[in-house]
Structure formats: structure tokens, C-alpha cells
Amino acid sequence: MMLAIPDVLDAAHLKRLRALVDGAEWVDGNATSGAQSALAKVNEQLPEGGEAARAAGAMVLDALAASPLFVAAALPLKVYPPLFNRYAGGQAFGAHVDNGVRIQRGSDFRIRSDLSATLFLEDADAYDGGELVVEDRFGEQRVKLPAGHMLLYPASSVHRVEPVTRGARVASFFWIQSMVRDEGARRLLFDLDRSVQALNAELGGEHRQVIELTGVYHNLLRRWADA
């Protein structure tokens, strides 16, 4: 499932986060690349574990926890500490697949990467190129979202970032291990949750059908979740 999540960061939080990352020192983006990615990746990145990345990452994690749409779609068990990258002057990231397991350097923290996320931190009209291209069963999906919006997509997908030919594309990226490993089961739970929420708004939370469908949702979650 690929899902755009709007307004993960509002204008005030976006401004504070950009002040942190723009004032930091950027390094070669291959500092965190696997063998396959290093062959395709040309960009800059904030040092993983650096002061700016930690502070900005904490802001992103707080924003994710406050996003009901993200929680419903991802059913997160673990979130990799957010990283930050920048593309400019023709830089790009060729076609690749994210590592199945991500291990944080210098620690024993590791996650299975079920989902990838890109949180856009630059206005779309401030740079040319830089589209995130995700290949799925319907073909290529080309995504360039407003600043503060985020794309959630399967980490198993082949994806790339097109060359940035004007301005700079700044983003946060990270991975999520879901409580529900199976993508099809996560999609069913997400669809059911959205339907229950719509019925709750229309009929009220005390309506018998709303109560029963809420029970179905949680019983399926019990069956499928690893928590």
C-alpha cells in the first residue's frame, strides 16, 4: 500500500526543523548505504547520530505519534530514527530496494523494514526534478509532495529519486517495522478502520454495528499482530 499523509508537520514545526538541519554540516549520503545503494546514490546526508539529526528526528517522531492516519496505516511497532538527505546540482538516487533489516550504527537497535517513509521538507515549486518514483503492480508512481507531507510505501518496492536540476530537495527518510508483518493484512485492517471511523461519525460510537465492527477490527489485530 502506498499512501500520502498530509500535514505531518505544520508550518511552525517545519520552520523549526529546517533551522536545525539547514544549519548543520552535511556529509556524503553513502555514509549509511548498503552495497547496492552505494552504486546508485549521489546525495548529501546529515550524519546519523549527530546532534542536529537527533533533535530533528525527535520532532519527526513526535509528529508521527500525533498522526492518526500514520498510526492506522503503518500500525508501527518500531520506527528507525529519522535520517535527513539533500539533493541538488543533478544529484539523484537510482533504482534500488531498501535493506530488509536496518541496524542503527553503534547500537543494538534493529528493525525489519516493512515500510519506507519519505517526509518532504522543501516546497515542491522550490526545486525541479527530485520526484520519488515507486514501482508497483500498476506501474511507476511519481510523487512530489508539499513540504510537511509524507509518503508511506512498501520497503520491498523498487524506487528511485530523479535528478534535481534546480534548487535543493530536502527530506527526512526512515523505515517502520509494523506490528502486522503481512502487507495484505495491514491493508485490510486499514480499510476496515477507515470504514469503522466513518460509521462512528455517522451513527455514533454507541451504535451496535459500530461496536461489533470495532470488535472485528481488534480481533483481527489480535490474530495478526506481533506486539
Foldseek 3Di string as FASTA:
>chain_A
DKDKFAQLDDPVLLVVLCVLVVPADKDFPCPQDDPVQVVFFGWIWGPVPDPSLQVSLVSSVVSCVVRPLNCLLFQFPDKDRKIKIKADDFGKGAWDFDDQKGARPPDRDIAGFQKKKKQWSAAQVQWPFFWKWWQDPVGIDTDDDGHNMMMIDGSGITIMTGTIYGGMTMIIMIGGHHQFNDNVLSVVLSVLVVVLVVCCVVPNCVDPVSVVSVVVSVVSCVVGGDD
